[in-house]
Amino acid sequence: MSNMNQAVKERIENLIESHKVFLFMKGNPQTPMCGFSGNTIKIMKSLVGNDFASFNVLEDNEIREGIKVFSDWPTIPQLYIDQEFVGGNDIISEMFNTGELHELLNLEKPDRTPPTMKVSDEALSHIKEGMKDVGNNKLFLSIDDEFNTRFSLDTPKGYEVVSKVGDLDIYMDIGTAERAQNIEITWIEELQGSGLRIKNPNEPPAVEELSVAELQDWFDTDTTANPYIFDVRPEDKIAEGTVPTAQRLDKEAIEKIESMDKSTPLVFLCQVGQSSMAAAEYFRKKGFTKVFNLTGGYNAWND
């Protein structure tokens, strides 16, 4: 740190002292600006929710370059816990999968029990046929936090969870293992083509359309369990009128939603019910199980 400006050094020290868990990243937790920062954010949110602080190095070149000298680490993101440097994305991912990161955060270590899977004989046959001549590579299953699912071939790093289906080993990280319990994999032949079909019982239910009459009835009959309502339109449109109790879906509202129980009822609206569906689908994929889109949007409510 001898080549480091003292003022920059003090700024960095003040930042990492401001919170038990501090992340230097590209972008912010709502909109990461690189894949590595995005992956690290997903890991931290799965462990501590929003209980961490971050700094966007893209907005301050002094901090962006200074933190590399401060930690003697050349890349971003960089994670600090209790003012101690933990590592970058690769190290964080490995520590997450081994349970070391859980221990640093005083959390219970993850369950590494391999999930039970059902794979049809035909699907198994096609998978094994596609794995001929792959060398040391193994079959990996990945299910991200939005339940996007894919298979790939890769070399194991040693910390994966492995499920056995017949004589086939399926490798996965612990996040996938949690989301893969009791999935069913079959082979389908359709006019559009053939391929694997994966049915995942853990995926949150689809977004439901909610009519204005149903929302009004909700207000009238169940005042103890009214939904949280979020308007995705710009401020000027909301100022002209919105649904009672609705709040604008801004950064603060997003953070509020992310801290809620996943069974909390959420209703999204826009002008006509199209843009709000995208927002509703986003939070459905984040694991919320009672997500509604207001059919017809504010136009329908106003009429």
C-alpha atoms as a PDB file:
ATOM      1  CA  MET A   1       0.000   0.000   0.000  1.00  0.00           C
ATOM      2  CA  SER A   2       3.065   2.250  -0.120  1.00  0.00           C
ATOM      3  CA  ASN A   3       2.049   3.696  -3.515  1.00  0.00           C
ATOM      4  CA  MET A   4      -1.444   4.466  -2.340  1.00  0.00           C
ATOM      5  CA  ASN A   5      -2.805   7.938  -1.719  1.00  0.00           C
ATOM      6  CA  GLN A   6      -3.452   8.310   2.015  1.00  0.00           C
ATOM      7  CA  ALA A   7      -6.819   9.998   1.507  1.00  0.00           C
ATOM      8  CA  VAL A   8      -8.009   7.142  -0.740  1.00  0.00           C
ATOM      9  CA  LYS A   9      -6.754   4.604   1.785  1.00  0.00           C
ATOM     10  CA  GLU A  10      -8.747   6.293   4.544  1.00  0.00           C
ATOM     11  CA  ARG A  11     -11.870   6.383   2.366  1.00  0.00           C
ATOM     12  CA  ILE A  12     -11.591   2.648   1.726  1.00  0.00           C
ATOM     13  CA  GLU A  13     -11.027   1.922   5.414  1.00  0.00           C
ATOM     14  CA  ASN A  14     -14.085   3.996   6.334  1.00  0.00           C
ATOM     15  CA  LEU A  15     -16.183   2.078   3.809  1.00  0.00           C
ATOM     16  CA  ILE A  16     -15.249  -1.401   5.028  1.00  0.00           C
ATOM     17  CA  GLU A  17     -15.657  -0.290   8.650  1.00  0.00           C
ATOM     18  CA  SER A  18     -19.194   0.941   7.935  1.00  0.00           C
ATOM     19  CA  HIS A  19     -20.738  -2.543   7.761  1.00  0.00           C
ATOM     20  CA  LYS A  20     -19.949  -6.092   8.813  1.00  0.00           C
ATOM     21  CA  VAL A  21     -20.292  -7.233   5.182  1.00  0.00           C
ATOM     22  CA  PHE A  22     -19.017  -4.867   2.502  1.00  0.00           C
ATOM     23  CA  LEU A  23     -18.751  -5.510  -1.234  1.00  0.00           C
ATOM     24  CA  PHE A  24     -16.843  -3.494  -3.820  1.00  0.00           C
ATOM     25  CA  MET A  25     -18.577  -4.237  -7.121  1.00  0.00           C
ATOM     26  CA  LYS A  26     -19.395  -2.975 -10.606  1.00  0.00           C
ATOM     27  CA  GLY A  27     -22.898  -1.537 -10.519  1.00  0.00           C
ATOM     28  CA  ASN A  28     -25.241  -1.889  -7.575  1.00  0.00           C
ATOM     29  CA  PRO A  29     -27.172  -4.827  -6.053  1.00  0.00           C
ATOM     30  CA  GLN A  30     -30.261  -4.018  -8.157  1.00  0.00           C
ATOM     31  CA  THR A  31     -28.352  -3.665 -11.463  1.00  0.00           C
ATOM     32  CA  PRO A  32     -24.923  -5.355 -11.417  1.00  0.00           C
ATOM     33  CA  MET A  33     -22.802  -4.224 -14.349  1.00  0.00           C
ATOM     34  CA  CYS A  34     -20.789  -7.418 -14.845  1.00  0.00           C
ATOM     35  CA  GLY A  35     -21.481 -11.140 -14.557  1.00  0.00           C
ATOM     36  CA  PHE A  36     -18.981 -11.672 -11.738  1.00  0.00           C
ATOM     37  CA  SER A  37     -20.527  -8.933  -9.605  1.00  0.00           C
ATOM     38  CA  GLY A  38     -23.991 -10.302 -10.430  1.00  0.00           C
ATOM     39  CA  ASN A  39     -23.046 -13.810  -9.316  1.00  0.00           C
ATOM     40  CA  THR A  40     -21.538 -12.520  -6.063  1.00  0.00           C
ATOM     41  CA  ILE A  41     -24.674 -10.468  -5.369  1.00  0.00           C
ATOM     42  CA  LYS A  42     -26.861 -13.570  -5.832  1.00  0.00           C
ATOM     43  CA  ILE A  43     -24.719 -15.475  -3.335  1.00  0.00           C
ATOM     44  CA  MET A  44     -24.762 -12.705  -0.737  1.00  0.00           C
ATOM     45  CA  LYS A  45     -28.516 -12.148  -1.036  1.00  0.00           C
ATOM     46  CA  SER A  46     -29.131 -15.870  -0.604  1.00  0.00           C
ATOM     47  CA  LEU A  47     -27.154 -15.748   2.645  1.00  0.00           C
ATOM     48  CA  VAL A  48     -27.855 -12.369   4.261  1.00  0.00           C
ATOM     49  CA  GLY A  49     -30.663 -10.833   2.204  1.00  0.00           C
ATOM     50  CA  ASN A  50     -30.022  -7.093   1.945  1.00  0.00           C
ATOM     51  CA  ASP A  51     -27.943  -6.978   5.135  1.00  0.00           C
ATOM     52  CA  PHE A  52     -24.736  -5.860   3.447  1.00  0.00           C
ATOM     53  CA  ALA A  53     -23.333  -2.650   2.033  1.00  0.00           C
ATOM     54  CA  SER A  54     -21.725  -2.087  -1.347  1.00  0.00           C
ATOM     55  CA  PHE A  55     -19.838   0.478  -3.403  1.00  0.00           C
ATOM     56  CA  ASN A  56     -20.039   0.916  -7.167  1.00  0.00           C
ATOM     57  CA  VAL A  57     -16.415   1.263  -8.304  1.00  0.00           C
ATOM     58  CA  LEU A  58     -17.547   2.385 -11.774  1.00  0.00           C
ATOM     59  CA  GLU A  59     -18.576   5.710 -10.235  1.00  0.00           C
ATOM     60  CA  ASP A  60     -15.210   6.431  -8.608  1.00  0.00           C
ATOM     61  CA  ASN A  61     -11.956   5.600 -10.391  1.00  0.00           C
ATOM     62  CA  GLU A  62      -9.847   6.412  -7.294  1.00  0.00           C
ATOM     63  CA  ILE A  63     -11.642   3.712  -5.309  1.00  0.00           C
ATOM     64  CA  ARG A  64     -11.708   1.354  -8.314  1.00  0.00           C
ATOM     65  CA  GLU A  65      -7.915   1.431  -8.629  1.00  0.00           C
ATOM     66  CA  GLY A  66      -7.185   2.011  -4.957  1.00  0.00           C
ATOM     67  CA  ILE A  67      -9.018  -1.084  -3.721  1.00  0.00           C
ATOM     68  CA  LYS A  68      -6.815  -3.257  -5.940  1.00  0.00           C
ATOM     69  CA  VAL A  69      -3.747  -1.883  -4.173  1.00  0.00           C
ATOM     70  CA  PHE A  70      -5.400  -1.965  -0.745  1.00  0.00           C
ATOM     71  CA  SER A  71      -6.281  -5.665  -0.992  1.00  0.00           C
ATOM     72  CA  ASP A  72      -3.424  -6.659  -3.307  1.00  0.00           C
ATOM     73  CA  TRP A  73      -6.095  -8.240  -5.503  1.00  0.00           C
ATOM     74  CA  PRO A  74      -6.381  -7.299  -9.211  1.00  0.00           C
ATOM     75  CA  THR A  75     -10.085  -7.786  -9.950  1.00  0.00           C
ATOM     76  CA  ILE A  76     -13.573  -6.663  -8.931  1.00  0.00           C
ATOM     77  CA  PRO A  77     -15.771  -7.698  -7.073  1.00  0.00           C
ATOM     78  CA  GLN A  78     -14.056  -7.831  -3.692  1.00  0.00           C
ATOM     79  CA  LEU A  79     -15.768  -8.940  -0.484  1.00  0.00           C
ATOM     80  CA  TYR A  80     -14.879  -7.886   3.059  1.00  0.00           C
ATOM     81  CA  ILE A  81     -16.329  -9.467   6.208  1.00  0.00           C
ATOM     82  CA  ASP A  82     -15.501  -7.926   9.600  1.00  0.00           C
ATOM     83  CA  GLN A  83     -12.991  -5.671   7.780  1.00  0.00           C
ATOM     84  CA  GLU A  84     -11.073  -8.711   6.490  1.00  0.00           C
ATOM     85  CA  PHE A  85     -10.640  -9.300   2.777  1.00  0.00           C
ATOM     86  CA  VAL A  86     -12.330 -12.572   1.726  1.00  0.00           C
ATOM     87  CA  GLY A  87     -11.729 -12.711  -2.026  1.00  0.00           C
ATOM     88  CA  GLY A  88     -13.185 -12.246  -5.468  1.00  0.00           C
ATOM     89  CA  ASN A  89     -15.975 -14.026  -7.296  1.00  0.00           C
ATOM     90  CA  ASP A  90     -14.233 -17.390  -7.795  1.00  0.00           C
ATOM     91  CA  ILE A  91     -13.167 -17.659  -4.152  1.00  0.00           C
ATOM     92  CA  ILE A  92     -16.580 -16.503  -2.915  1.00  0.00           C
ATOM     93  CA  SER A  93     -18.303 -19.117  -5.110  1.00  0.00           C
ATOM     94  CA  GLU A  94     -16.059 -21.883  -3.812  1.00  0.00           C
ATOM     95  CA  MET A  95     -16.477 -20.829  -0.165  1.00  0.00           C
ATOM     96  CA  PHE A  96     -20.242 -20.665  -0.655  1.00  0.00           C
ATOM     97  CA  ASN A  97     -20.342 -24.207  -1.991  1.00  0.00           C
ATOM     98  CA  THR A  98     -18.058 -25.647   0.703  1.00  0.00           C
ATOM     99  CA  GLY A  99     -19.882 -23.850   3.527  1.00  0.00           C
ATOM    100  CA  GLU A 100     -16.856 -21.744   4.567  1.00  0.00           C
ATOM    101  CA  LEU A 101     -18.683 -18.531   3.712  1.00  0.00           C
ATOM    102  CA  HIS A 102     -21.608 -19.612   5.898  1.00  0.00           C
ATOM    103  CA  GLU A 103     -19.196 -20.115   8.797  1.00  0.00           C
ATOM    104  CA  LEU A 104     -17.667 -16.660   8.330  1.00  0.00           C
ATOM    105  CA  LEU A 105     -21.161 -15.191   8.556  1.00  0.00           C
ATOM    106  CA  ASN A 106     -22.092 -17.359  11.572  1.00  0.00           C
ATOM    107  CA  LEU A 107     -24.746 -19.184   9.547  1.00  0.00           C
ATOM    108  CA  GLU A 108     -25.677 -22.855   9.503  1.00  0.00           C
ATOM    109  CA  LYS A 109     -23.672 -24.772   6.925  1.00  0.00           C
ATOM    110  CA  PRO A 110     -25.631 -25.776   3.795  1.00  0.00           C
ATOM    111  CA  ASP A 111     -27.315 -29.132   3.391  1.00  0.00           C
ATOM    112  CA  ARG A 112     -25.259 -31.119   0.911  1.00  0.00           C
ATOM    113  CA  THR A 113     -27.686 -34.026   0.591  1.00  0.00           C
ATOM    114  CA  PRO A 114     -27.963 -34.926  -3.121  1.00  0.00           C
ATOM    115  CA  PRO A 115     -31.482 -34.229  -4.416  1.00  0.00           C
ATOM    116  CA  THR A 116     -33.746 -37.011  -5.643  1.00  0.00           C
ATOM    117  CA  MET A 117     -34.446 -36.849  -9.375  1.00  0.00           C
ATOM    118  CA  LYS A 118     -36.662 -38.813 -11.738  1.00  0.00           C
ATOM    119  CA  VAL A 119     -35.218 -39.374 -15.208  1.00  0.00           C
ATOM    120  CA  SER A 120     -37.099 -41.415 -17.793  1.00  0.00           C
ATOM    121  CA  ASP A 121     -35.265 -44.289 -19.473  1.00  0.00           C
ATOM    122  CA  GLU A 122     -35.497 -42.559 -22.844  1.00  0.00           C
ATOM    123  CA  ALA A 123     -34.113 -39.297 -21.471  1.00  0.00           C
ATOM    124  CA  LEU A 124     -31.313 -41.156 -19.711  1.00  0.00           C
ATOM    125  CA  SER A 125     -30.427 -42.960 -22.928  1.00  0.00           C
ATOM    126  CA  HIS A 126     -30.208 -39.697 -24.906  1.00  0.00           C
ATOM    127  CA  ILE A 127     -28.138 -37.992 -22.194  1.00  0.00           C
ATOM    128  CA  LYS A 128     -25.630 -40.843 -22.107  1.00  0.00           C
ATOM    129  CA  GLU A 129     -25.470 -40.922 -25.898  1.00  0.00           C
ATOM    130  CA  GLY A 130     -24.518 -37.243 -25.886  1.00  0.00           C
ATOM    131  CA  MET A 131     -21.762 -37.829 -23.345  1.00  0.00           C
ATOM    132  CA  LYS A 132     -19.643 -40.143 -25.437  1.00  0.00           C
ATOM    133  CA  ASP A 133     -16.012 -39.070 -25.872  1.00  0.00           C
ATOM    134  CA  VAL A 134     -16.173 -36.163 -23.373  1.00  0.00           C
ATOM    135  CA  GLY A 135     -12.909 -37.072 -21.661  1.00  0.00           C
ATOM    136  CA  ASN A 136     -12.732 -36.005 -18.005  1.00  0.00           C
ATOM    137  CA  ASN A 137     -15.746 -33.742 -18.285  1.00  0.00           C
ATOM    138  CA  LYS A 138     -18.866 -34.552 -16.286  1.00  0.00           C
ATOM    139  CA  LEU A 139     -22.534 -33.704 -16.686  1.00  0.00           C
ATOM    140  CA  PHE A 140     -23.482 -30.536 -14.791  1.00  0.00           C
ATOM    141  CA  LEU A 141     -26.981 -29.340 -13.995  1.00  0.00           C
ATOM    142  CA  SER A 142     -27.535 -25.653 -13.262  1.00  0.00           C
ATOM    143  CA  ILE A 143     -30.770 -24.120 -11.943  1.00  0.00           C
ATOM    144  CA  ASP A 144     -30.326 -20.443 -11.125  1.00  0.00           C
ATOM    145  CA  ASP A 145     -32.402 -18.382  -8.704  1.00  0.00           C
ATOM    146  CA  GLU A 146     -34.857 -17.569 -11.522  1.00  0.00           C
ATOM    147  CA  PHE A 147     -35.250 -21.307 -12.246  1.00  0.00           C
ATOM    148  CA  ASN A 148     -33.557 -21.109 -15.621  1.00  0.00           C
ATOM    149  CA  THR A 149     -32.281 -24.656 -16.147  1.00  0.00           C
ATOM    150  CA  ARG A 150     -29.493 -26.000 -18.337  1.00  0.00           C
ATOM    151  CA  PHE A 151     -27.156 -28.947 -18.706  1.00  0.00           C
ATOM    152  CA  SER A 152     -23.479 -28.561 -19.587  1.00  0.00           C
ATOM    153  CA  LEU A 153     -20.219 -30.507 -19.628  1.00  0.00           C
ATOM    154  CA  ASP A 154     -17.424 -29.327 -17.352  1.00  0.00           C
ATOM    155  CA  THR A 155     -14.584 -30.467 -15.123  1.00  0.00           C
ATOM    156  CA  PRO A 156     -15.537 -30.859 -11.432  1.00  0.00           C
ATOM    157  CA  LYS A 157     -13.837 -28.531  -8.971  1.00  0.00           C
ATOM    158  CA  GLY A 158     -14.294 -30.913  -6.044  1.00  0.00           C
ATOM    159  CA  TYR A 159     -17.006 -29.194  -4.025  1.00  0.00           C
ATOM    160  CA  GLU A 160     -20.043 -30.144  -6.107  1.00  0.00           C
ATOM    161  CA  VAL A 161     -23.082 -32.078  -4.899  1.00  0.00           C
ATOM    162  CA  VAL A 162     -23.523 -35.263  -6.963  1.00  0.00           C
ATOM    163  CA  SER A 163     -26.799 -37.081  -7.579  1.00  0.00           C
ATOM    164  CA  LYS A 164     -26.745 -40.602  -9.015  1.00  0.00           C
ATOM    165  CA  VAL A 165     -29.422 -41.566 -11.517  1.00  0.00           C
ATOM    166  CA  GLY A 166     -28.800 -45.186 -12.441  1.00  0.00           C
ATOM    167  CA  ASP A 167     -25.144 -45.248 -13.451  1.00  0.00           C
ATOM    168  CA  LEU A 168     -25.135 -41.540 -14.346  1.00  0.00           C
ATOM    169  CA  ASP A 169     -23.620 -38.884 -12.058  1.00  0.00           C
ATOM    170  CA  ILE A 170     -25.129 -35.396 -12.219  1.00  0.00           C
ATOM    171  CA  TYR A 171     -22.959 -32.633 -10.699  1.00  0.00           C
ATOM    172  CA  MET A 172     -24.346 -29.337  -9.319  1.00  0.00           C
ATOM    173  CA  ASP A 173     -23.650 -26.477  -6.931  1.00  0.00           C
ATOM    174  CA  ILE A 174     -25.525 -26.265  -3.640  1.00  0.00           C
ATOM    175  CA  GLY A 175     -27.957 -23.641  -4.937  1.00  0.00           C
ATOM    176  CA  THR A 176     -28.962 -25.960  -7.762  1.00  0.00           C
ATOM    177  CA  ALA A 177     -29.178 -28.905  -5.355  1.00  0.00           C
ATOM    178  CA  GLU A 178     -31.760 -27.039  -3.273  1.00  0.00           C
ATOM    179  CA  ARG A 179     -33.819 -26.168  -6.354  1.00  0.00           C
ATOM    180  CA  ALA A 180     -33.536 -29.605  -8.001  1.00  0.00           C
ATOM    181  CA  GLN A 181     -35.294 -31.742  -5.397  1.00  0.00           C
ATOM    182  CA  ASN A 182     -37.809 -34.085  -7.073  1.00  0.00           C
ATOM    183  CA  ILE A 183     -37.433 -32.672 -10.577  1.00  0.00           C
ATOM    184  CA  GLU A 184     -38.643 -34.894 -13.430  1.00  0.00           C
ATOM    185  CA  ILE A 185     -36.666 -35.157 -16.674  1.00  0.00           C
ATOM    186  CA  THR A 186     -38.300 -36.728 -19.725  1.00  0.00           C
ATOM    187  CA  TRP A 187     -37.644 -36.878 -23.461  1.00  0.00           C
ATOM    188  CA  ILE A 188     -40.217 -35.421 -25.831  1.00  0.00           C
ATOM    189  CA  GLU A 189     -40.747 -35.724 -29.585  1.00  0.00           C
ATOM    190  CA  GLU A 190     -42.686 -32.826 -31.121  1.00  0.00           C
ATOM    191  CA  LEU A 191     -43.171 -31.274 -34.535  1.00  0.00           C
ATOM    192  CA  GLN A 192     -40.844 -28.463 -33.491  1.00  0.00           C
ATOM    193  CA  GLY A 193     -38.131 -30.966 -32.569  1.00  0.00           C
ATOM    194  CA  SER A 194     -37.053 -33.319 -29.835  1.00  0.00           C
ATOM    195  CA  GLY A 195     -35.304 -32.726 -26.533  1.00  0.00           C
ATOM    196  CA  LEU A 196     -35.329 -32.903 -22.777  1.00  0.00           C
ATOM    197  CA  ARG A 197     -38.303 -31.602 -20.803  1.00  0.00           C
ATOM    198  CA  ILE A 198     -37.751 -30.706 -17.153  1.00  0.00           C
ATOM    199  CA  LYS A 199     -40.640 -30.371 -14.718  1.00  0.00           C
ATOM    200  CA  ASN A 200     -39.604 -28.629 -11.507  1.00  0.00           C
ATOM    201  CA  PRO A 201     -42.102 -28.733  -8.605  1.00  0.00           C
ATOM    202  CA  ASN A 202     -40.021 -26.138  -6.729  1.00  0.00           C
ATOM    203  CA  GLU A 203     -40.588 -23.372  -9.277  1.00  0.00           C
ATOM    204  CA  PRO A 204     -42.946 -20.655  -8.001  1.00  0.00           C
ATOM    205  CA  PRO A 205     -46.490 -20.702  -9.475  1.00  0.00           C
ATOM    206  CA  ALA A 206     -47.291 -18.555 -12.496  1.00  0.00           C
ATOM    207  CA  VAL A 207     -48.274 -14.883 -12.207  1.00  0.00           C
ATOM    208  CA  GLU A 208     -52.057 -14.587 -11.822  1.00  0.00           C
ATOM    209  CA  GLU A 209     -54.195 -12.017 -13.601  1.00  0.00           C
ATOM    210  CA  LEU A 210     -56.250  -9.967 -11.111  1.00  0.00           C
ATOM    211  CA  SER A 211     -59.285  -8.013 -12.315  1.00  0.00           C
ATOM    212  CA  VAL A 212     -60.128  -4.594 -10.859  1.00  0.00           C
ATOM    213  CA  ALA A 213     -63.321  -6.103  -9.415  1.00  0.00           C
ATOM    214  CA  GLU A 214     -61.319  -8.808  -7.648  1.00  0.00           C
ATOM    215  CA  LEU A 215     -58.905  -6.215  -6.266  1.00  0.00           C
ATOM    216  CA  GLN A 216     -61.784  -4.050  -5.007  1.00  0.00           C
ATOM    217  CA  ASP A 217     -63.335  -7.128  -3.395  1.00  0.00           C
ATOM    218  CA  TRP A 218     -59.983  -7.833  -1.750  1.00  0.00           C
ATOM    219  CA  PHE A 219     -59.998  -4.315  -0.296  1.00  0.00           C
ATOM    220  CA  ASP A 220     -63.612  -4.661   0.875  1.00  0.00           C
ATOM    221  CA  THR A 221     -63.578  -8.119   2.432  1.00  0.00           C
ATOM    222  CA  ASP A 222     -60.088  -8.839   3.746  1.00  0.00           C
ATOM    223  CA  THR A 223     -58.570  -5.680   5.166  1.00  0.00           C
ATOM    224  CA  THR A 224     -56.166  -7.672   7.364  1.00  0.00           C
ATOM    225  CA  ALA A 225     -54.406  -9.270   4.409  1.00  0.00           C
ATOM    226  CA  ASN A 226     -54.455  -6.665   1.662  1.00  0.00           C
ATOM    227  CA  PRO A 227     -51.679  -7.097  -0.891  1.00  0.00           C
ATOM    228  CA  TYR A 228     -48.751  -4.780  -1.398  1.00  0.00           C
ATOM    229  CA  ILE A 229     -49.421  -2.866  -4.628  1.00  0.00           C
ATOM    230  CA  PHE A 230     -46.663  -1.458  -6.831  1.00  0.00           C
ATOM    231  CA  ASP A 231     -47.096   0.906  -9.790  1.00  0.00           C
ATOM    232  CA  VAL A 232     -44.318   0.572 -12.395  1.00  0.00           C
ATOM    233  CA  ARG A 233     -45.181   3.804 -14.255  1.00  0.00           C
ATOM    234  CA  PRO A 234     -43.129   7.039 -14.136  1.00  0.00           C
ATOM    235  CA  GLU A 235     -43.749   9.513 -11.318  1.00  0.00           C
ATOM    236  CA  ASP A 236     -45.648  11.977 -13.513  1.00  0.00           C
ATOM    237  CA  LYS A 237     -48.159   9.316 -14.527  1.00  0.00           C
ATOM    238  CA  ILE A 238     -48.623   8.147 -10.947  1.00  0.00           C
ATOM    239  CA  ALA A 239     -49.185  11.767  -9.888  1.00  0.00           C
ATOM    240  CA  GLU A 240     -52.219  11.831 -12.187  1.00  0.00           C
ATOM    241  CA  GLY A 241     -53.750   8.929 -10.281  1.00  0.00           C
ATOM    242  CA  THR A 242     -53.137   5.360  -9.154  1.00  0.00           C
ATOM    243  CA  VAL A 243     -54.729   2.531  -7.184  1.00  0.00           C
ATOM    244  CA  PRO A 244     -55.235   3.143  -3.422  1.00  0.00           C
ATOM    245  CA  THR A 245     -52.175   2.187  -1.298  1.00  0.00           C
ATOM    246  CA  ALA A 246     -50.030   1.700  -4.421  1.00  0.00           C
ATOM    247  CA  GLN A 247     -46.428   2.843  -4.282  1.00  0.00           C
ATOM    248  CA  ARG A 248     -44.007   3.446  -7.122  1.00  0.00           C
ATOM    249  CA  LEU A 249     -41.697   0.553  -7.957  1.00  0.00           C
ATOM    250  CA  ASP A 250     -38.395   2.352  -7.411  1.00  0.00           C
ATOM    251  CA  LYS A 251     -35.092   1.238  -5.885  1.00  0.00           C
ATOM    252  CA  GLU A 252     -36.391   1.621  -2.334  1.00  0.00           C
ATOM    253  CA  ALA A 253     -39.523  -0.404  -3.136  1.00  0.00           C
ATOM    254  CA  ILE A 254     -37.467  -3.166  -4.750  1.00  0.00           C
ATOM    255  CA  GLU A 255     -35.307  -3.432  -1.626  1.00  0.00           C
ATOM    256  CA  LYS A 256     -38.470  -3.533   0.477  1.00  0.00           C
ATOM    257  CA  ILE A 257     -39.911  -6.384  -1.590  1.00  0.00           C
ATOM    258  CA  GLU A 258     -36.675  -8.357  -1.439  1.00  0.00           C
ATOM    259  CA  SER A 259     -36.820  -8.276   2.362  1.00  0.00           C
ATOM    260  CA  MET A 260     -40.391  -9.634   2.474  1.00  0.00           C
ATOM    261  CA  ASP A 261     -41.509 -13.179   3.127  1.00  0.00           C
ATOM    262  CA  LYS A 262     -41.849 -15.033  -0.185  1.00  0.00           C
ATOM    263  CA  SER A 263     -45.544 -15.737   0.517  1.00  0.00           C
ATOM    264  CA  THR A 264     -46.437 -12.019   0.701  1.00  0.00           C
ATOM    265  CA  PRO A 265     -49.167 -11.100  -1.847  1.00  0.00           C
ATOM    266  CA  LEU A 266     -47.802  -8.672  -4.463  1.00  0.00           C
ATOM    267  CA  VAL A 267     -49.838  -6.822  -7.106  1.00  0.00           C
ATOM    268  CA  PHE A 268     -48.218  -4.916  -9.976  1.00  0.00           C
ATOM    269  CA  LEU A 269     -49.875  -2.398 -12.282  1.00  0.00           C
ATOM    270  CA  CYS A 270     -49.026  -0.087 -15.154  1.00  0.00           C
ATOM    271  CA  GLN A 271     -51.197   1.869 -17.591  1.00  0.00           C
ATOM    272  CA  VAL A 272     -52.716  -1.078 -19.451  1.00  0.00           C
ATOM    273  CA  GLY A 273     -51.314  -4.193 -17.767  1.00  0.00           C
ATOM    274  CA  GLN A 274     -48.366  -5.048 -20.022  1.00  0.00           C
ATOM    275  CA  SER A 275     -45.234  -3.499 -18.478  1.00  0.00           C
ATOM    276  CA  SER A 276     -46.401  -4.590 -15.050  1.00  0.00           C
ATOM    277  CA  MET A 277     -46.405  -8.234 -16.174  1.00  0.00           C
ATOM    278  CA  ALA A 278     -42.655  -8.049 -16.706  1.00  0.00           C
ATOM    279  CA  ALA A 279     -42.183  -6.756 -13.153  1.00  0.00           C
ATOM    280  CA  ALA A 280     -44.517  -9.420 -11.777  1.00  0.00           C
ATOM    281  CA  GLU A 281     -42.640 -12.147 -13.637  1.00  0.00           C
ATOM    282  CA  TYR A 282     -39.318 -10.834 -12.283  1.00  0.00           C
ATOM    283  CA  PHE A 283     -40.428 -11.265  -8.677  1.00  0.00           C
ATOM    284  CA  ARG A 284     -42.123 -14.581  -9.393  1.00  0.00           C
ATOM    285  CA  LYS A 285     -38.765 -15.864 -10.586  1.00  0.00           C
ATOM    286  CA  LYS A 286     -37.232 -14.556  -7.368  1.00  0.00           C
ATOM    287  CA  GLY A 287     -39.383 -17.065  -5.482  1.00  0.00           C
ATOM    288  CA  PHE A 288     -42.506 -15.089  -4.565  1.00  0.00           C
ATOM    289  CA  THR A 289     -45.513 -17.413  -4.638  1.00  0.00           C
ATOM    290  CA  LYS A 290     -48.459 -14.967  -4.662  1.00  0.00           C
ATOM    291  CA  VAL A 291     -47.812 -12.555  -7.526  1.00  0.00           C
ATOM    292  CA  PHE A 292     -50.602 -10.781  -9.423  1.00  0.00           C
ATOM    293  CA  ASN A 293     -50.808  -8.527 -12.464  1.00  0.00           C
ATOM    294  CA  LEU A 294     -53.691  -6.032 -12.536  1.00  0.00           C
ATOM    295  CA  THR A 295     -55.576  -6.783 -15.745  1.00  0.00           C
ATOM    296  CA  GLY A 296     -56.047  -3.637 -17.822  1.00  0.00           C
ATOM    297  CA  GLY A 297     -53.845  -1.616 -15.473  1.00  0.00           C
ATOM    298  CA  TYR A 298     -54.768   1.822 -14.173  1.00  0.00           C
ATOM    299  CA  ASN A 299     -56.992   2.468 -17.213  1.00  0.00           C
ATOM    300  CA  ALA A 300     -59.258  -0.390 -16.125  1.00  0.00           C
ATOM    301  CA  TRP A 301     -59.241   0.759 -12.498  1.00  0.00           C
ATOM    302  CA  ASN A 302     -60.038   4.360 -13.470  1.00  0.00           C
ATOM    303  CA  ASP A 303     -62.924   3.255 -15.698  1.00  0.00           C
END
